[in-house]
Amino acid sequence: MQEDLDQISIYSKLVSHSGPCLVDSSGNVLGYSQMKDICSTFGNQLSNMEIASNSVFGIVLPNGINMAKCFLSLANYVIAAPLNPDYTEEEFIFYLTDLECKYVVTDETVSNDLKNAARKTNTMLLFIETGDRDNLLKLKSIDTKKNISNKPNLNNDQCLILHTSGTTSKPKQVQLSTKNILSSASNIANILALSKEDRGLNIMPLFHIHGLIASLLSSVFSGGCLVCTEGFNALAFFSQIKTFNPTWITAVPTMYQAILGRSSRNSPIIKSSKIRLLRSSSAAMPVKTIEELESVFECPVIEAYGMTEASHQMASNTLNGKRKSGSVGKAAGPRIALLKDSKVYTESGIEGEIVIKGENVTNSYRNNDLANKESFFDGWFRTGDLGTFDNEGFLFISGRIKEVINKGGEKISPKEIDEALMKHPAIFQAVSFSITHEKLGEDVGAAIVLKEPESVSKEELQLHLKKFISNFKIPKTILFLNEIPKGNTGKIQRIGLAKKLGIEK
């Protein structure tokens, strides 16, 4: 039975469950009752500070259980704005100013960059400390004399702000309500059949929508337990599997590719694990990688489609139903359609911009009228992705509109080239991207990471590609790298990659 999301809060979900909620990297367990107490303590402290519910609180903490505790507590009462702890002073100044953020919750690991940025933006740093009981948490030196908790955020109350990546323009503030994030968590929990018996292993950063909603909040929504690691470490991953016995994991493709690279030497751990599903989102998973993962882990790989503006999940393959290689599944929360020539379509055989509408979708960017005007069409949010439906309603993503390479008028999808490259047995990772060309406008480049100890030449790869794609799509420039540069969430970013690799100024 679907819950009335208008009447529930993060706190009410904590109260409704019992048993283990969060586990830290040392194995210490925090129960739902303890997490409820932490949430109440934060509410009391905010009340004593006379903080308004629409106040923006930055959170700058290392990945781990304290970050999870602070997000669940703050998003219940105010607007939480998690930020990457590795930002530079200049970046912190931009985000704190843009957010009009007067408070940042942090700990003793606080960087000098954040300290300097806070001083220059007149932002108060609030430090967390362990409470009277083990594993509890509170804000240091904030009284709780009144013992009157702030009202929890409900329904359309804003509770989370995250910035877009800003690869092609100034980052935009995505504002999300309690109903947005809880409906998305509900959608994910339902599609994966999560229950209180499940134990997730979080390896995603908790300053990103994927980790916050798909990993953390969906676990809380379902009453399950989540192991909060310090972040992804391919060297530590299999020992974490052995120690914590998770039943499911959600991550990005580059993480899974790194895991596969170490899977053969860890086969006994994999064989004895309790993993019943692997979920992938935030970037396209090569079909070859999906097939290898399912073979190695002997469990389904559920590829989903998400973005910050949708509180993460938009579409997903199902756990028990039909899944299609190369597809991100069917609508799994919001309605999905295709926009072409100012008309909205849902039938197969049409390629258009993917648009969405639903309870988990933001109603606007914060303080950005121009972006709102450009990003919404007749109540639909424009994702910026191109896609098609097949005759069974499965969604296939062609690529980002801004990532499509225009080579002398010929439109090329980088994703198609990636898939063709990944069919070569020597390739571990591959990404194609645009390179500025004097006469054609744009040309195709590719960055390759080979499996050890494999070797292959540029000419051999170009010959391989001729079996799968047209000649005009074959990259003239192919770089062999030890590692492809990634963003702070582990995603490979095509836009601007040529500049990062020193190919163009």
Protein backbone atom coordinates (compact mmCIF):
# COMPACT_ATOMS: atom_id res chain seq x y z
CA MET A 1 0.00 0.00 0.00
CA GLN A 2 1.39 3.40 -1.05
CA GLU A 3 2.01 5.73 1.89
CA ASP A 4 0.64 9.27 1.96
CA LEU A 5 3.91 11.11 1.33
CA ASP A 6 2.29 14.43 2.22
CA GLN A 7 2.16 13.37 5.86
CA ILE A 8 5.50 11.65 6.45
CA SER A 9 8.94 12.99 7.28
CA ILE A 10 12.42 11.51 7.61
CA TYR A 11 11.81 11.43 11.38
CA SER A 12 8.54 9.50 11.01
CA LYS A 13 10.35 6.87 8.92
CA LEU A 14 13.01 6.51 11.65
CA VAL A 15 10.29 6.08 14.28
CA SER A 16 8.42 3.47 12.24
CA HIS A 17 11.37 1.04 12.11
CA SER A 18 13.41 -0.92 14.64
CA GLY A 19 16.67 -2.82 14.56
CA PRO A 20 19.98 -1.74 12.99
CA CYS A 21 19.95 1.42 10.86
CA LEU A 22 23.58 2.39 10.15
CA VAL A 23 26.92 0.61 10.58
CA ASP A 24 30.29 2.35 10.55
CA SER A 25 33.47 1.05 8.96
CA SER A 26 34.58 -0.49 12.28
CA GLY A 27 31.36 -2.48 12.60
CA ASN A 28 29.68 -0.32 15.26
CA VAL A 29 25.90 -0.47 14.84
CA LEU A 30 23.49 2.44 15.25
CA GLY A 31 19.87 1.40 15.75
CA TYR A 32 16.79 3.18 14.44
CA SER A 33 15.88 4.25 17.98
CA GLN A 34 19.33 5.87 18.39
CA MET A 35 19.08 7.58 15.01
CA LYS A 36 15.67 8.92 16.06
CA ASP A 37 17.27 10.34 19.24
CA ILE A 38 20.04 12.01 17.23
CA CYS A 39 17.46 13.57 14.93
CA SER A 40 15.48 14.87 17.93
CA THR A 41 18.64 16.28 19.54
CA PHE A 42 19.49 18.22 16.38
CA GLY A 43 15.91 19.51 16.27
CA ASN A 44 16.13 20.72 19.87
CA GLN A 45 19.47 22.39 19.26
CA LEU A 46 18.20 24.16 16.14
CA SER A 47 15.16 25.30 18.12
CA ASN A 48 17.40 26.79 20.79
CA MET A 49 19.34 28.59 18.07
CA GLU A 50 15.99 29.90 16.79
CA ILE A 51 16.77 28.61 13.32
CA ALA A 52 14.03 28.96 10.69
CA SER A 53 13.09 25.82 8.77
CA ASN A 54 14.05 27.42 5.45
CA SER A 55 17.61 28.13 6.61
CA VAL A 56 20.35 26.54 4.48
CA PHE A 57 22.90 24.44 6.37
CA GLY A 58 26.00 23.33 4.53
CA ILE A 59 27.40 19.92 5.49
CA VAL A 60 31.13 19.37 4.96
CA LEU A 61 32.11 16.00 6.38
CA PRO A 62 34.10 12.98 5.25
CA ASN A 63 32.11 10.10 3.80
CA GLY A 64 30.92 7.82 6.55
CA ILE A 65 28.38 7.33 9.31
CA ASN A 66 28.58 10.87 10.75
CA MET A 67 27.81 12.33 7.34
CA ALA A 68 24.76 10.04 7.12
CA LYS A 69 23.59 11.01 10.63
CA CYS A 70 23.91 14.73 9.92
CA PHE A 71 22.10 14.57 6.60
CA LEU A 72 19.16 12.61 8.00
CA SER A 73 18.89 15.02 10.95
CA LEU A 74 19.35 18.33 9.16
CA ALA A 75 17.20 17.48 6.13
CA ASN A 76 14.40 16.70 8.56
CA TYR A 77 14.32 20.26 9.95
CA VAL A 78 16.13 22.70 7.65
CA ILE A 79 17.55 22.74 4.11
CA ALA A 80 20.64 20.53 3.95
CA ALA A 81 23.34 21.40 1.41
CA PRO A 82 26.06 18.70 1.38
CA LEU A 83 29.35 19.90 -0.13
CA ASN A 84 32.45 18.05 -1.30
CA PRO A 85 35.09 18.25 1.50
CA ASP A 86 37.83 18.42 -1.16
CA TYR A 87 36.69 21.76 -2.59
CA THR A 88 39.28 24.52 -2.77
CA GLU A 89 38.90 27.80 -0.89
CA GLU A 90 37.67 29.49 -4.07
CA GLU A 91 35.08 26.76 -4.66
CA PHE A 92 33.84 26.94 -1.06
CA ILE A 93 33.47 30.71 -1.37
CA PHE A 94 31.38 30.29 -4.52
CA TYR A 95 29.06 27.63 -3.04
CA LEU A 96 28.62 29.28 0.37
CA THR A 97 27.85 32.61 -1.29
CA ASP A 98 25.53 31.11 -3.90
CA LEU A 99 23.63 29.18 -1.21
CA GLU A 100 23.43 32.22 1.07
CA CYS A 101 24.55 29.74 3.68
CA LYS A 102 25.12 31.09 7.20
CA TYR A 103 26.03 27.77 8.86
CA VAL A 104 28.19 24.80 7.94
CA VAL A 105 28.25 21.58 9.96
CA THR A 106 31.71 20.01 10.00
CA ASP A 107 34.19 18.20 12.28
CA GLU A 108 37.85 18.22 13.31
CA THR A 109 38.91 17.20 9.78
CA VAL A 110 37.87 20.67 8.54
CA SER A 111 40.29 21.99 5.93
CA ASN A 112 42.03 25.36 5.98
CA ASP A 113 40.29 26.05 2.67
CA LEU A 114 36.88 25.79 4.36
CA LYS A 115 38.04 27.79 7.39
CA ASN A 116 39.29 30.61 5.16
CA ALA A 117 36.15 30.53 2.98
CA ALA A 118 33.91 30.61 6.05
CA ARG A 119 35.75 33.62 7.43
CA LYS A 120 35.54 35.50 4.14
CA THR A 121 31.81 34.75 3.67
CA ASN A 122 30.83 35.33 7.31
CA THR A 123 29.71 31.69 7.64
CA MET A 124 29.60 30.06 11.09
CA LEU A 125 31.20 26.64 11.43
CA LEU A 126 29.27 24.29 13.73
CA PHE A 127 31.21 21.26 14.93
CA ILE A 128 29.73 17.86 15.72
CA GLU A 129 30.70 15.78 18.73
CA THR A 130 29.86 12.39 20.17
CA GLY A 131 27.03 12.58 22.67
CA ASP A 132 26.67 10.96 26.09
CA ARG A 133 25.84 7.55 24.64
CA ASP A 134 27.97 5.62 22.18
CA ASN A 135 27.38 6.43 18.52
CA LEU A 136 25.11 9.40 19.27
CA LEU A 137 25.86 12.80 17.82
CA LYS A 138 25.08 16.45 18.47
CA LEU A 139 26.31 19.94 17.67
CA LYS A 140 29.05 21.12 20.01
CA SER A 141 28.25 23.90 22.50
CA ILE A 142 24.62 24.36 21.43
CA ASP A 143 22.15 24.28 24.35
CA THR A 144 19.01 22.14 24.44
CA LYS A 145 17.40 23.87 27.43
CA LYS A 146 14.00 24.40 25.82
CA ASN A 147 13.76 20.78 24.65
CA ILE A 148 11.26 21.85 21.99
CA SER A 149 12.12 20.27 18.65
CA ASN A 150 11.68 22.18 15.41
CA LYS A 151 8.74 21.05 13.28
CA PRO A 152 9.86 18.39 10.79
CA ASN A 153 9.84 19.14 7.07
CA LEU A 154 6.77 17.70 5.33
CA ASN A 155 5.37 17.52 1.82
CA ASN A 156 6.55 20.57 -0.18
CA ASP A 157 8.93 21.90 2.50
CA GLN A 158 12.37 22.31 0.92
CA CYS A 159 14.92 20.02 2.60
CA LEU A 160 17.84 19.54 0.21
CA ILE A 161 19.87 21.64 -2.22
CA LEU A 162 22.51 20.18 -4.50
CA HIS A 163 24.32 21.96 -7.32
CA THR A 164 24.48 20.64 -10.86
CA SER A 165 27.96 19.76 -12.12
CA GLY A 166 28.29 22.97 -14.11
CA THR A 167 30.39 21.43 -16.91
CA THR A 168 29.02 23.84 -19.51
CA SER A 169 27.71 26.73 -17.39
CA LYS A 170 27.54 28.08 -13.86
CA PRO A 171 26.28 25.32 -11.49
CA LYS A 172 22.55 25.56 -10.83
CA GLN A 173 20.93 25.01 -7.42
CA VAL A 174 18.55 22.05 -7.51
CA GLN A 175 16.05 22.47 -4.67
CA LEU A 176 14.23 19.36 -3.54
CA SER A 177 11.33 18.94 -1.13
CA THR A 178 10.63 16.24 1.45
CA LYS A 179 8.04 14.75 -0.89
CA ASN A 180 10.55 14.77 -3.78
CA ILE A 181 13.22 12.80 -1.95
CA LEU A 182 10.93 10.43 -0.05
CA SER A 183 8.97 9.53 -3.19
CA SER A 184 12.22 8.74 -4.98
CA ALA A 185 13.45 6.65 -2.04
CA SER A 186 10.12 4.81 -2.10
CA ASN A 187 10.41 4.18 -5.85
CA ILE A 188 13.92 2.74 -5.47
CA ALA A 189 12.99 0.58 -2.47
CA ASN A 190 10.00 -0.82 -4.39
CA ILE A 191 11.85 -1.52 -7.64
CA LEU A 192 14.63 -3.36 -5.75
CA ALA A 193 12.23 -5.07 -3.30
CA LEU A 194 14.26 -3.72 -0.36
CA SER A 195 13.17 -4.78 3.13
CA LYS A 196 14.34 -4.69 6.74
CA GLU A 197 16.28 -7.88 5.98
CA ASP A 198 18.56 -6.05 3.55
CA ARG A 199 22.00 -4.63 4.30
CA GLY A 200 23.45 -2.19 1.80
CA LEU A 201 27.10 -1.23 1.38
CA ASN A 202 27.47 2.46 0.58
CA ILE A 203 30.53 3.28 -1.52
CA MET A 204 29.04 6.40 -3.10
CA PRO A 205 29.87 9.95 -1.90
CA LEU A 206 27.15 11.33 0.37
CA PHE A 207 27.39 14.82 -1.12
CA HIS A 208 25.81 13.44 -4.31
CA ILE A 209 22.18 12.56 -5.05
CA HIS A 210 23.00 8.93 -5.91
CA GLY A 211 24.53 8.16 -2.51
CA LEU A 212 22.05 10.24 -0.52
CA ILE A 213 18.84 8.87 -2.03
CA ALA A 214 19.55 5.55 -3.75
CA SER A 215 21.84 4.23 -1.04
CA LEU A 216 21.02 6.01 2.24
CA LEU A 217 17.41 7.15 2.10
CA SER A 218 16.05 4.08 0.29
CA SER A 219 17.59 1.92 3.03
CA VAL A 220 15.94 4.03 5.73
CA PHE A 221 12.64 4.07 3.85
CA SER A 222 12.57 0.26 3.71
CA GLY A 223 13.76 -0.24 7.30
CA GLY A 224 16.98 -1.88 6.18
CA CYS A 225 20.54 -1.35 7.32
CA LEU A 226 23.35 0.52 5.56
CA VAL A 227 27.09 0.12 6.04
CA CYS A 228 28.66 3.58 5.70
CA THR A 229 32.18 3.31 4.29
CA GLU A 230 34.65 6.16 3.89
CA GLY A 231 34.10 5.95 0.13
CA PHE A 232 35.04 3.67 -2.71
CA ASN A 233 38.36 1.87 -2.46
CA ALA A 234 38.87 -0.97 -4.93
CA LEU A 235 41.60 -2.45 -2.72
CA ALA A 236 39.29 -2.56 0.32
CA PHE A 237 36.06 -3.51 -1.44
CA PHE A 238 36.27 -7.30 -1.18
CA SER A 239 37.36 -7.27 2.46
CA GLN A 240 34.28 -5.09 3.12
CA ILE A 241 32.12 -7.66 1.36
CA LYS A 242 33.61 -10.41 3.53
CA THR A 243 33.26 -8.41 6.77
CA PHE A 244 29.80 -6.89 6.35
CA ASN A 245 27.95 -9.41 4.12
CA PRO A 246 25.85 -6.84 2.22
CA THR A 247 22.85 -7.99 0.21
CA TRP A 248 22.99 -5.17 -2.33
CA ILE A 249 25.12 -2.31 -3.64
CA THR A 250 24.48 0.73 -5.83
CA ALA A 251 27.38 2.41 -7.64
CA VAL A 252 28.56 3.97 -10.91
CA PRO A 253 30.01 1.99 -13.86
CA THR A 254 33.63 3.05 -13.31
CA MET A 255 33.50 1.58 -9.80
CA TYR A 256 32.15 -1.71 -11.09
CA GLN A 257 34.84 -1.84 -13.76
CA ALA A 258 37.49 -1.42 -11.06
CA ILE A 259 35.78 -4.15 -9.00
CA LEU A 260 35.79 -6.50 -12.00
CA GLY A 261 39.51 -5.87 -12.41
CA ARG A 262 40.12 -7.44 -8.99
CA SER A 263 37.36 -10.06 -9.04
CA SER A 264 39.37 -13.08 -10.22
CA ARG A 265 41.69 -12.95 -7.20
CA ASN A 266 38.71 -12.61 -4.85
CA SER A 267 36.44 -15.34 -6.21
CA PRO A 268 36.11 -17.22 -2.85
CA ILE A 269 34.71 -14.06 -1.22
CA ILE A 270 32.30 -13.54 -4.12
CA LYS A 271 31.11 -17.16 -3.98
CA SER A 272 30.34 -16.93 -0.25
CA SER A 273 28.75 -13.45 -0.40
CA LYS A 274 25.05 -12.74 0.16
CA ILE A 275 24.76 -10.15 -2.62
CA ARG A 276 21.39 -10.54 -4.34
CA LEU A 277 21.63 -7.55 -6.69
CA LEU A 278 23.95 -4.87 -7.99
CA ARG A 279 22.47 -1.55 -9.06
CA SER A 280 24.14 0.88 -11.47
CA SER A 281 23.20 4.47 -12.22
CA SER A 282 24.50 8.03 -12.86
CA ALA A 283 26.20 7.00 -16.13
CA ALA A 284 25.64 4.47 -18.90
CA MET A 285 26.89 0.98 -18.10
CA PRO A 286 28.51 -0.76 -21.09
CA VAL A 287 26.59 -3.92 -21.99
CA LYS A 288 29.82 -5.90 -21.78
CA THR A 289 30.36 -4.75 -18.18
CA ILE A 290 26.81 -5.77 -17.21
CA GLU A 291 27.33 -9.24 -18.70
CA GLU A 292 30.66 -9.69 -16.90
CA LEU A 293 29.23 -8.54 -13.55
CA GLU A 294 26.25 -10.88 -13.77
CA SER A 295 28.56 -13.77 -14.63
CA VAL A 296 31.06 -13.05 -11.84
CA PHE A 297 28.60 -12.21 -9.03
CA GLU A 298 25.83 -14.56 -10.21
CA CYS A 299 23.16 -11.97 -9.50
CA PRO A 300 21.15 -9.48 -11.58
CA VAL A 301 22.60 -6.07 -12.43
CA ILE A 302 19.83 -3.47 -12.32
CA GLU A 303 20.66 -0.50 -14.52
CA ALA A 304 18.72 2.66 -13.62
CA TYR A 305 18.53 6.20 -14.96
CA GLY A 306 18.72 9.13 -12.59
CA MET A 307 19.59 12.77 -12.17
CA THR A 308 19.64 15.32 -9.36
CA GLU A 309 16.57 17.20 -10.61
CA ALA A 310 14.52 14.00 -10.25
CA SER A 311 15.77 13.28 -6.71
CA HIS A 312 17.74 10.59 -8.54
CA GLN A 313 15.62 7.78 -10.06
CA MET A 314 13.59 8.25 -13.25
CA ALA A 315 13.67 4.85 -14.93
CA SER A 316 14.93 1.41 -13.99
CA ASN A 317 15.08 -2.16 -15.08
CA THR A 318 13.23 -4.46 -12.71
CA LEU A 319 14.60 -7.07 -10.33
CA ASN A 320 12.29 -9.95 -11.19
CA GLY A 321 10.77 -8.85 -14.49
CA LYS A 322 12.19 -8.45 -17.96
CA ARG A 323 15.48 -6.55 -18.41
CA LYS A 324 16.95 -5.42 -21.70
CA SER A 325 20.64 -4.91 -22.45
CA GLY A 326 21.38 -1.33 -23.39
CA SER A 327 18.13 -0.05 -21.88
CA VAL A 328 17.65 1.82 -18.59
CA GLY A 329 14.30 0.07 -18.24
CA LYS A 330 10.88 1.64 -17.91
CA ALA A 331 9.58 4.66 -16.01
CA ALA A 332 10.14 3.94 -12.31
CA GLY A 333 8.60 6.92 -10.53
CA PRO A 334 7.89 9.90 -12.75
CA ARG A 335 6.13 9.86 -16.10
CA ILE A 336 8.58 9.83 -19.02
CA ALA A 337 8.02 11.13 -22.54
CA LEU A 338 10.04 12.44 -25.50
CA LEU A 339 10.01 16.04 -26.68
CA LYS A 340 10.48 16.69 -30.39
CA ASP A 341 9.52 19.78 -32.41
CA SER A 342 7.58 21.18 -29.42
CA LYS A 343 5.41 18.05 -29.18
CA VAL A 344 5.46 15.34 -26.49
CA TYR A 345 5.51 11.67 -27.58
CA THR A 346 5.36 8.33 -25.79
CA GLU A 347 5.30 5.98 -28.78
CA SER A 348 8.22 3.96 -30.12
CA GLY A 349 10.37 4.82 -33.11
CA ILE A 350 10.84 8.52 -32.26
CA GLU A 351 14.06 10.02 -30.95
CA GLY A 352 13.60 13.10 -28.80
CA GLU A 353 14.66 14.85 -25.63
CA ILE A 354 13.66 12.88 -22.55
CA VAL A 355 11.21 14.84 -20.38
CA ILE A 356 9.80 13.88 -16.98
CA LYS A 357 6.94 14.83 -14.66
CA GLY A 358 6.15 13.48 -11.18
CA GLU A 359 6.30 13.71 -7.40
CA ASN A 360 10.06 13.24 -7.24
CA VAL A 361 10.85 16.00 -9.78
CA THR A 362 11.98 19.47 -8.65
CA ASN A 363 9.52 22.26 -9.35
CA SER A 364 12.26 24.80 -10.10
CA TYR A 365 15.89 25.74 -9.77
CA ARG A 366 16.59 28.12 -6.90
CA ASN A 367 17.18 31.78 -7.82
CA ASN A 368 17.53 31.07 -11.54
CA ASP A 369 14.64 32.31 -13.69
CA LEU A 370 16.52 31.80 -16.96
CA ALA A 371 17.30 28.14 -16.21
CA ASN A 372 13.70 27.55 -15.17
CA LYS A 373 12.45 29.05 -18.41
CA GLU A 374 14.81 26.88 -20.47
CA SER A 375 14.34 23.66 -18.49
CA PHE A 376 10.56 23.29 -18.33
CA PHE A 377 8.07 22.72 -21.14
CA ASP A 378 4.35 22.65 -20.41
CA GLY A 379 4.94 21.21 -16.93
CA TRP A 380 7.56 18.70 -18.13
CA PHE A 381 11.20 18.92 -16.99
CA ARG A 382 13.69 18.72 -19.85
CA THR A 383 16.54 16.35 -18.95
CA GLY A 384 18.91 17.29 -21.77
CA ASP A 385 19.20 13.61 -22.73
CA LEU A 386 18.19 12.06 -26.06
CA GLY A 387 16.31 8.79 -26.08
CA THR A 388 13.86 6.41 -27.74
CA PHE A 389 11.21 3.94 -26.57
CA ASP A 390 10.92 0.46 -28.02
CA ASN A 391 7.53 -1.15 -28.63
CA GLU A 392 7.45 -2.52 -25.06
CA GLY A 393 8.08 0.85 -23.43
CA PHE A 394 11.74 0.29 -22.59
CA LEU A 395 13.79 3.49 -22.69
CA PHE A 396 17.10 3.64 -24.57
CA ILE A 397 19.32 6.68 -24.05
CA SER A 398 21.18 7.95 -27.11
CA GLY A 399 23.32 10.40 -25.13
CA ARG A 400 23.44 13.91 -23.73
CA ILE A 401 22.33 16.56 -26.22
CA LYS A 402 25.37 18.66 -25.31
CA GLU A 403 27.68 15.63 -25.70
CA VAL A 404 26.57 14.77 -29.24
CA ILE A 405 29.51 15.34 -31.59
CA ASN A 406 28.71 17.42 -34.68
CA LYS A 407 31.34 16.40 -37.24
CA GLY A 408 30.79 18.53 -40.31
CA GLY A 409 27.01 18.24 -39.92
CA GLU A 410 27.05 14.52 -39.09
CA LYS A 411 25.66 13.94 -35.56
CA ILE A 412 27.54 11.24 -33.64
CA SER A 413 26.56 9.68 -30.31
CA PRO A 414 29.67 9.07 -28.17
CA LYS A 415 27.85 6.26 -26.34
CA GLU A 416 27.68 4.24 -29.59
CA ILE A 417 31.46 4.53 -30.01
CA ASP A 418 32.05 3.56 -26.37
CA GLU A 419 29.98 0.40 -26.78
CA ALA A 420 31.89 -0.57 -29.94
CA LEU A 421 35.26 0.00 -28.27
CA MET A 422 34.27 -2.04 -25.22
CA LYS A 423 33.69 -5.06 -27.45
CA HIS A 424 37.47 -5.37 -27.91
CA PRO A 425 38.80 -7.97 -25.43
CA ALA A 426 41.87 -5.89 -24.51
CA ILE A 427 39.93 -2.81 -23.38
CA PHE A 428 39.19 -2.16 -19.71
CA GLN A 429 37.63 1.32 -20.02
CA ALA A 430 36.84 3.57 -22.98
CA VAL A 431 35.31 7.00 -23.44
CA SER A 432 34.87 8.97 -26.65
CA PHE A 433 34.59 12.74 -26.75
CA SER A 434 34.59 15.84 -28.93
CA ILE A 435 37.75 17.52 -30.18
CA THR A 436 37.63 20.94 -31.82
CA HIS A 437 38.39 20.74 -35.56
CA GLU A 438 39.29 23.75 -37.71
CA LYS A 439 37.26 22.69 -40.76
CA LEU A 440 34.68 20.20 -39.46
CA GLY A 441 33.85 22.06 -36.25
CA GLU A 442 34.24 18.90 -34.17
CA ASP A 443 35.99 15.56 -34.54
CA VAL A 444 36.01 12.37 -32.50
CA GLY A 445 38.62 11.40 -29.91
CA ALA A 446 38.81 8.42 -27.57
CA ALA A 447 40.64 7.68 -24.34
CA ILE A 448 41.45 4.04 -23.60
CA VAL A 449 42.58 2.08 -20.55
CA LEU A 450 43.79 -1.42 -21.42
CA LYS A 451 43.54 -4.54 -19.30
CA GLU A 452 46.84 -5.71 -17.87
CA PRO A 453 48.99 -7.04 -19.50
CA GLU A 454 47.17 -6.52 -22.83
CA SER A 455 48.50 -4.36 -25.64
CA VAL A 456 46.87 -3.11 -28.83
CA SER A 457 47.71 -0.37 -31.33
CA LYS A 458 45.63 2.58 -32.44
CA GLU A 459 45.42 1.10 -35.93
CA GLU A 460 44.18 -2.26 -34.61
CA LEU A 461 41.43 -0.50 -32.64
CA GLN A 462 40.35 1.51 -35.67
CA LEU A 463 40.16 -1.71 -37.67
CA HIS A 464 38.11 -3.30 -34.87
CA LEU A 465 35.67 -0.36 -34.90
CA LYS A 466 35.00 -0.77 -38.63
CA LYS A 467 33.06 -3.95 -37.77
CA PHE A 468 30.54 -2.00 -35.70
CA ILE A 469 30.34 1.67 -36.74
CA SER A 470 30.60 3.81 -39.87
CA ASN A 471 33.99 5.19 -40.89
CA PHE A 472 33.10 8.82 -40.14
CA LYS A 473 32.46 7.87 -36.48
CA ILE A 474 35.85 6.22 -35.94
CA PRO A 475 38.17 8.34 -33.73
CA LYS A 476 41.23 9.75 -35.46
CA THR A 477 42.79 10.51 -32.08
CA ILE A 478 43.10 7.61 -29.62
CA LEU A 479 44.95 8.08 -26.34
CA PHE A 480 46.14 5.20 -24.17
CA LEU A 481 46.01 6.14 -20.49
CA ASN A 482 46.62 4.51 -17.12
CA GLU A 483 43.48 6.20 -15.84
CA ILE A 484 40.72 8.30 -17.38
CA PRO A 485 40.03 11.55 -15.46
CA LYS A 486 36.80 11.42 -13.47
CA GLY A 487 34.58 13.87 -11.62
CA ASN A 488 34.25 13.87 -7.84
CA THR A 489 31.46 11.27 -7.94
CA GLY A 490 33.44 8.76 -10.01
CA LYS A 491 31.70 9.62 -13.28
CA ILE A 492 33.69 10.20 -16.45
CA GLN A 493 32.84 13.63 -17.86
CA ARG A 494 33.08 13.89 -21.64
CA ILE A 495 32.53 17.63 -21.86
CA GLY A 496 35.89 19.36 -21.56
CA LEU A 497 37.81 16.07 -21.59
CA ALA A 498 39.93 17.10 -24.59
CA LYS A 499 41.14 20.12 -22.64
CA LYS A 500 41.80 18.05 -19.51
CA LEU A 501 43.91 15.66 -21.55
CA GLY A 502 45.90 18.49 -23.12
CA ILE A 503 44.66 17.90 -26.67
CA GLU A 504 43.31 21.42 -27.04
CA LYS A 505 43.58 24.72 -25.19
